Amino acid sequence: MNEHLIKLKDMFFKISESADVTFTEIKQKKKITGVNMIFNENQNLLSIRSTNNFNVRFRTDLSHESTHTLMKKLLRAQVHLNRSVAKSFFMNQYKYKVLECTNKREAEAFEYLLIWS
């Protein structure tokens, strides 16, 4: 158990100190499992999410409100006027931090740790 805690701690410092990633860079990560943090233009944290495929999460899901929970929440809270404006922010304004994980279980454990902290 101790080795898992040490690994999660190392992962926390790695994502915290990593450089921001653009929308274009993140959607090129095809079939890669990991965790991402989304920051708005003021560097406020909007979301922490795990995924088993960054390409689907950031390309396909963004086009469909029914599968993109964050998009629904932003529109419902009136953070953006409409889907088009929100999509533009995702693509041009928001910044991302990404950490690739070895499997979905590791990504989910790390996601929960980030949300908790």
N, C-alpha and C. Protein backbone atom coordinates (compact mmCIF):
# COMPACT_ATOMS: atom_id res chain seq x y z
N MET A 1 0.82 -1.19 0.00
CA MET A 1 0.00 0.00 0.00
C MET A 1 0.86 1.26 0.00
N ASN A 2 1.95 1.22 0.74
CA ASN A 2 2.85 2.37 0.84
C ASN A 2 3.38 2.80 -0.53
N GLU A 3 3.71 1.82 -1.37
CA GLU A 3 4.23 2.15 -2.70
C GLU A 3 3.19 2.85 -3.56
N HIS A 4 1.90 2.51 -3.38
CA HIS A 4 0.83 3.18 -4.12
C HIS A 4 0.70 4.64 -3.68
N LEU A 5 0.81 4.88 -2.39
CA LEU A 5 0.73 6.25 -1.88
C LEU A 5 1.90 7.09 -2.38
N ILE A 6 3.07 6.49 -2.41
CA ILE A 6 4.26 7.19 -2.91
C ILE A 6 4.08 7.52 -4.39
N LYS A 7 3.53 6.56 -5.16
CA LYS A 7 3.32 6.81 -6.59
C LYS A 7 2.30 7.93 -6.81
N LEU A 8 1.19 7.92 -6.05
CA LEU A 8 0.19 8.98 -6.18
C LEU A 8 0.77 10.34 -5.82
N LYS A 9 1.61 10.36 -4.78
CA LYS A 9 2.26 11.61 -4.38
C LYS A 9 3.17 12.12 -5.51
N ASP A 10 3.94 11.22 -6.10
CA ASP A 10 4.81 11.59 -7.22
C ASP A 10 3.99 12.11 -8.41
N MET A 11 2.87 11.46 -8.68
CA MET A 11 2.00 11.88 -9.77
C MET A 11 1.45 13.28 -9.50
N PHE A 12 1.09 13.55 -8.24
CA PHE A 12 0.56 14.85 -7.86
C PHE A 12 1.58 15.95 -8.16
N PHE A 13 2.83 15.73 -7.76
CA PHE A 13 3.86 16.74 -8.01
C PHE A 13 4.17 16.87 -9.50
N LYS A 14 4.11 15.76 -10.21
CA LYS A 14 4.39 15.79 -11.65
C LYS A 14 3.36 16.64 -12.40
N ILE A 15 2.06 16.44 -12.13
CA ILE A 15 1.04 17.22 -12.84
C ILE A 15 1.05 18.67 -12.36
N SER A 16 1.32 18.89 -11.07
CA SER A 16 1.34 20.26 -10.53
C SER A 16 2.43 21.10 -11.18
N GLU A 17 3.56 20.49 -11.46
CA GLU A 17 4.71 21.21 -12.00
C GLU A 17 4.79 21.16 -13.52
N SER A 18 3.86 20.46 -14.14
CA SER A 18 3.91 20.33 -15.60
C SER A 18 3.48 21.62 -16.28
N ALA A 19 3.94 21.77 -17.50
CA ALA A 19 3.58 22.94 -18.30
C ALA A 19 2.14 22.79 -18.79
N ASP A 20 1.50 23.92 -19.05
CA ASP A 20 0.16 23.89 -19.61
C ASP A 20 0.20 23.26 -21.00
N VAL A 21 -0.91 22.60 -21.34
CA VAL A 21 -1.05 21.96 -22.64
C VAL A 21 -2.23 22.64 -23.35
N THR A 22 -2.10 22.84 -24.64
CA THR A 22 -3.19 23.46 -25.41
C THR A 22 -4.23 22.42 -25.80
N PHE A 23 -5.38 22.89 -26.24
CA PHE A 23 -6.44 22.02 -26.72
C PHE A 23 -5.94 21.15 -27.87
N THR A 24 -5.22 21.76 -28.79
CA THR A 24 -4.70 21.03 -29.94
C THR A 24 -3.77 19.90 -29.51
N GLU A 25 -2.91 20.18 -28.54
CA GLU A 25 -1.98 19.14 -28.05
C GLU A 25 -2.72 18.01 -27.35
N ILE A 26 -3.71 18.37 -26.55
CA ILE A 26 -4.39 17.34 -25.77
C ILE A 26 -5.25 16.43 -26.64
N LYS A 27 -5.88 16.96 -27.67
CA LYS A 27 -6.74 16.11 -28.50
C LYS A 27 -5.93 15.20 -29.42
N GLN A 28 -4.63 15.43 -29.53
CA GLN A 28 -3.77 14.54 -30.32
C GLN A 28 -3.36 13.30 -29.53
N LYS A 29 -3.68 13.26 -28.26
CA LYS A 29 -3.35 12.10 -27.42
C LYS A 29 -4.41 11.03 -27.63
N LYS A 30 -4.25 10.25 -28.66
CA LYS A 30 -5.25 9.25 -29.01
C LYS A 30 -5.04 7.96 -28.23
N LYS A 31 -6.14 7.44 -27.72
CA LYS A 31 -6.16 6.17 -27.00
C LYS A 31 -5.18 6.15 -25.84
N ILE A 32 -5.06 7.27 -25.15
CA ILE A 32 -4.17 7.38 -24.00
C ILE A 32 -5.02 7.61 -22.77
N THR A 33 -4.74 6.85 -21.73
CA THR A 33 -5.46 6.96 -20.46
C THR A 33 -4.74 7.95 -19.57
N GLY A 34 -5.52 8.77 -18.85
CA GLY A 34 -4.89 9.72 -17.96
C GLY A 34 -5.88 10.62 -17.26
N VAL A 35 -5.34 11.67 -16.67
CA VAL A 35 -6.11 12.65 -15.93
C VAL A 35 -5.80 14.03 -16.51
N ASN A 36 -6.84 14.87 -16.58
CA ASN A 36 -6.61 16.23 -17.03
C ASN A 36 -7.27 17.21 -16.08
N MET A 37 -6.66 18.37 -15.98
CA MET A 37 -7.19 19.48 -15.19
C MET A 37 -7.45 20.61 -16.18
N ILE A 38 -8.62 21.24 -16.07
CA ILE A 38 -8.98 22.31 -16.98
C ILE A 38 -9.05 23.62 -16.19
N PHE A 39 -8.34 24.63 -16.71
CA PHE A 39 -8.30 25.95 -16.08
C PHE A 39 -8.88 26.99 -17.03
N ASN A 40 -9.64 27.93 -16.49
CA ASN A 40 -10.17 28.99 -17.34
C ASN A 40 -9.09 30.05 -17.61
N GLU A 41 -9.48 31.10 -18.31
CA GLU A 41 -8.52 32.13 -18.71
C GLU A 41 -7.92 32.87 -17.51
N ASN A 42 -8.55 32.77 -16.34
CA ASN A 42 -8.02 33.40 -15.12
C ASN A 42 -7.26 32.42 -14.23
N GLN A 43 -6.96 31.25 -14.78
CA GLN A 43 -6.24 30.18 -14.07
C GLN A 43 -7.03 29.59 -12.91
N ASN A 44 -8.37 29.72 -12.94
CA ASN A 44 -9.22 29.06 -11.95
C ASN A 44 -9.52 27.65 -12.43
N LEU A 45 -9.42 26.70 -11.53
CA LEU A 45 -9.68 25.30 -11.87
C LEU A 45 -11.16 25.08 -12.13
N LEU A 46 -11.48 24.57 -13.33
CA LEU A 46 -12.87 24.29 -13.70
C LEU A 46 -13.24 22.83 -13.48
N SER A 47 -12.30 21.94 -13.77
CA SER A 47 -12.64 20.53 -13.75
C SER A 47 -11.40 19.65 -13.64
N ILE A 48 -11.60 18.50 -13.02
CA ILE A 48 -10.59 17.44 -12.98
C ILE A 48 -11.30 16.19 -13.48
N ARG A 49 -10.72 15.55 -14.50
CA ARG A 49 -11.38 14.38 -15.10
C ARG A 49 -10.37 13.33 -15.49
N SER A 50 -10.79 12.08 -15.37
CA SER A 50 -9.98 10.99 -15.90
C SER A 50 -10.64 10.52 -17.19
N THR A 51 -9.85 9.91 -18.05
CA THR A 51 -10.38 9.38 -19.31
C THR A 51 -9.49 8.24 -19.78
N ASN A 52 -10.07 7.37 -20.56
CA ASN A 52 -9.25 6.31 -21.17
C ASN A 52 -8.96 6.62 -22.63
N ASN A 53 -9.37 7.82 -23.07
CA ASN A 53 -9.09 8.23 -24.45
C ASN A 53 -9.25 9.75 -24.57
N PHE A 54 -8.15 10.46 -24.48
CA PHE A 54 -8.19 11.92 -24.55
C PHE A 54 -8.82 12.42 -25.84
N ASN A 55 -8.55 11.75 -26.94
CA ASN A 55 -9.09 12.18 -28.23
C ASN A 55 -10.61 12.21 -28.20
N VAL A 56 -11.23 11.17 -27.67
CA VAL A 56 -12.70 11.13 -27.59
C VAL A 56 -13.19 12.20 -26.64
N ARG A 57 -12.55 12.33 -25.49
CA ARG A 57 -12.98 13.29 -24.47
C ARG A 57 -12.94 14.72 -25.00
N PHE A 58 -11.92 15.04 -25.78
CA PHE A 58 -11.73 16.43 -26.20
C PHE A 58 -12.14 16.72 -27.64
N ARG A 59 -12.54 15.75 -28.38
CA ARG A 59 -12.95 16.01 -29.75
C ARG A 59 -14.41 15.65 -29.93
N THR A 60 -14.72 14.39 -29.76
CA THR A 60 -16.09 13.91 -29.97
C THR A 60 -17.04 14.43 -28.91
N ASP A 61 -16.69 14.28 -27.64
CA ASP A 61 -17.59 14.67 -26.56
C ASP A 61 -17.95 16.14 -26.61
N LEU A 62 -17.03 16.97 -27.03
CA LEU A 62 -17.28 18.41 -27.07
C LEU A 62 -18.39 18.76 -28.07
N SER A 63 -18.59 17.91 -29.05
CA SER A 63 -19.60 18.16 -30.07
C SER A 63 -21.00 17.73 -29.64
N HIS A 64 -21.09 16.97 -28.56
CA HIS A 64 -22.38 16.42 -28.14
C HIS A 64 -22.65 16.77 -26.68
N GLU A 65 -23.59 17.66 -26.44
CA GLU A 65 -23.91 18.08 -25.08
C GLU A 65 -24.36 16.91 -24.22
N SER A 66 -25.01 15.94 -24.82
CA SER A 66 -25.54 14.82 -24.05
C SER A 66 -24.42 13.98 -23.41
N THR A 67 -23.25 13.96 -23.99
CA THR A 67 -22.16 13.16 -23.43
C THR A 67 -21.10 14.01 -22.73
N HIS A 68 -21.21 15.31 -22.82
CA HIS A 68 -20.17 16.17 -22.25
C HIS A 68 -20.75 16.90 -21.03
N THR A 69 -20.58 16.31 -19.86
CA THR A 69 -21.15 16.84 -18.62
C THR A 69 -20.65 18.23 -18.31
N LEU A 70 -19.37 18.48 -18.49
CA LEU A 70 -18.81 19.80 -18.18
C LEU A 70 -19.46 20.87 -19.06
N MET A 71 -19.64 20.57 -20.33
CA MET A 71 -20.29 21.52 -21.24
C MET A 71 -21.69 21.85 -20.71
N LYS A 72 -22.45 20.83 -20.32
CA LYS A 72 -23.80 21.05 -19.78
C LYS A 72 -23.76 21.94 -18.55
N LYS A 73 -22.82 21.68 -17.66
CA LYS A 73 -22.72 22.47 -16.43
C LYS A 73 -22.37 23.92 -16.71
N LEU A 74 -21.45 24.16 -17.63
CA LEU A 74 -21.06 25.53 -17.96
C LEU A 74 -22.22 26.30 -18.60
N LEU A 75 -22.96 25.64 -19.45
CA LEU A 75 -24.10 26.30 -20.09
C LEU A 75 -25.23 26.55 -19.09
N ARG A 76 -25.49 25.57 -18.24
CA ARG A 76 -26.55 25.72 -17.24
C ARG A 76 -26.22 26.83 -16.24
N ALA A 77 -24.96 26.96 -15.88
CA ALA A 77 -24.53 28.01 -14.95
C ALA A 77 -24.34 29.35 -15.66
N GLN A 78 -24.59 29.37 -16.94
CA GLN A 78 -24.46 30.57 -17.77
C GLN A 78 -23.06 31.18 -17.73
N VAL A 79 -22.06 30.30 -17.66
CA VAL A 79 -20.67 30.74 -17.75
C VAL A 79 -20.40 31.23 -19.17
N HIS A 80 -21.03 30.57 -20.15
CA HIS A 80 -20.94 30.97 -21.55
C HIS A 80 -22.34 31.14 -22.11
N LEU A 81 -22.48 31.99 -23.11
CA LEU A 81 -23.80 32.27 -23.70
C LEU A 81 -24.42 31.06 -24.39
N ASN A 82 -23.57 30.31 -25.09
CA ASN A 82 -24.08 29.16 -25.84
C ASN A 82 -22.95 28.18 -26.11
N ARG A 83 -23.30 27.07 -26.74
CA ARG A 83 -22.34 26.00 -27.02
C ARG A 83 -21.18 26.49 -27.89
N SER A 84 -21.45 27.31 -28.86
CA SER A 84 -20.42 27.81 -29.76
C SER A 84 -19.37 28.62 -29.01
N VAL A 85 -19.83 29.51 -28.15
CA VAL A 85 -18.91 30.32 -27.35
C VAL A 85 -18.11 29.43 -26.41
N ALA A 86 -18.79 28.49 -25.75
CA ALA A 86 -18.11 27.57 -24.83
C ALA A 86 -17.05 26.75 -25.56
N LYS A 87 -17.41 26.24 -26.73
CA LYS A 87 -16.46 25.45 -27.51
C LYS A 87 -15.23 26.27 -27.88
N SER A 88 -15.44 27.53 -28.22
CA SER A 88 -14.33 28.42 -28.54
C SER A 88 -13.40 28.58 -27.33
N PHE A 89 -13.99 28.71 -26.14
CA PHE A 89 -13.17 28.82 -24.93
C PHE A 89 -12.37 27.54 -24.69
N PHE A 90 -13.01 26.39 -24.88
CA PHE A 90 -12.29 25.12 -24.72
C PHE A 90 -11.12 25.04 -25.68
N MET A 91 -11.32 25.52 -26.89
CA MET A 91 -10.29 25.39 -27.92
C MET A 91 -9.22 26.48 -27.85
N ASN A 92 -9.57 27.68 -27.37
CA ASN A 92 -8.63 28.81 -27.49
C ASN A 92 -8.23 29.48 -26.18
N GLN A 93 -9.05 29.41 -25.17
CA GLN A 93 -8.80 30.15 -23.94
C GLN A 93 -8.37 29.26 -22.77
N TYR A 94 -9.04 28.14 -22.61
CA TYR A 94 -8.76 27.27 -21.47
C TYR A 94 -7.39 26.63 -21.61
N LYS A 95 -6.78 26.36 -20.47
CA LYS A 95 -5.49 25.68 -20.43
C LYS A 95 -5.67 24.35 -19.70
N TYR A 96 -4.80 23.43 -19.99
CA TYR A 96 -4.92 22.08 -19.47
C TYR A 96 -3.61 21.59 -18.89
N LYS A 97 -3.72 20.77 -17.88
CA LYS A 97 -2.60 19.99 -17.37
C LYS A 97 -2.99 18.54 -17.53
N VAL A 98 -2.05 17.72 -17.98
CA VAL A 98 -2.35 16.33 -18.31
C VAL A 98 -1.29 15.43 -17.70
N LEU A 99 -1.77 14.29 -17.20
CA LEU A 99 -0.85 13.26 -16.74
C LEU A 99 -1.32 11.93 -17.30
N GLU A 100 -0.47 11.28 -18.05
CA GLU A 100 -0.80 9.96 -18.59
C GLU A 100 -0.65 8.93 -17.48
N CYS A 101 -1.56 7.95 -17.47
CA CYS A 101 -1.55 6.89 -16.45
C CYS A 101 -1.43 5.54 -17.13
N THR A 102 -1.03 4.53 -16.35
CA THR A 102 -0.82 3.21 -16.93
C THR A 102 -2.12 2.47 -17.21
N ASN A 103 -3.20 2.81 -16.47
CA ASN A 103 -4.48 2.15 -16.70
C ASN A 103 -5.61 3.00 -16.11
N LYS A 104 -6.83 2.60 -16.38
CA LYS A 104 -8.02 3.36 -15.95
C LYS A 104 -8.12 3.41 -14.42
N ARG A 105 -7.78 2.33 -13.75
CA ARG A 105 -7.86 2.32 -12.28
C ARG A 105 -6.91 3.34 -11.67
N GLU A 106 -5.70 3.41 -12.19
CA GLU A 106 -4.73 4.40 -11.71
C GLU A 106 -5.24 5.81 -12.00
N ALA A 107 -5.80 6.03 -13.18
CA ALA A 107 -6.31 7.36 -13.55
C ALA A 107 -7.44 7.77 -12.62
N GLU A 108 -8.35 6.85 -12.32
CA GLU A 108 -9.47 7.17 -11.44
C GLU A 108 -9.00 7.44 -10.02
N ALA A 109 -8.05 6.66 -9.53
CA ALA A 109 -7.51 6.88 -8.18
C ALA A 109 -6.86 8.26 -8.09
N PHE A 110 -6.11 8.62 -9.13
CA PHE A 110 -5.45 9.92 -9.14
C PHE A 110 -6.46 11.06 -9.28
N GLU A 111 -7.48 10.86 -10.09
CA GLU A 111 -8.55 11.86 -10.23
C GLU A 111 -9.18 12.13 -8.86
N TYR A 112 -9.51 11.08 -8.13
CA TYR A 112 -10.13 11.24 -6.81
C TYR A 112 -9.21 11.97 -5.84
N LEU A 113 -7.92 11.66 -5.90
CA LEU A 113 -6.95 12.33 -5.03
C LEU A 113 -6.91 13.83 -5.35
N LEU A 114 -6.88 14.17 -6.63
CA LEU A 114 -6.86 15.59 -7.02
C LEU A 114 -8.12 16.32 -6.60
N ILE A 115 -9.26 15.67 -6.76
CA ILE A 115 -10.52 16.30 -6.36
C ILE A 115 -10.54 16.52 -4.86
N TRP A 116 -10.07 15.55 -4.12
CA TRP A 116 -10.07 15.64 -2.66
C TRP A 116 -9.12 16.72 -2.16
N SER A 117 -7.99 16.89 -2.83
CA SER A 117 -6.97 17.83 -2.34
C SER A 117 -7.25 19.19 -2.80
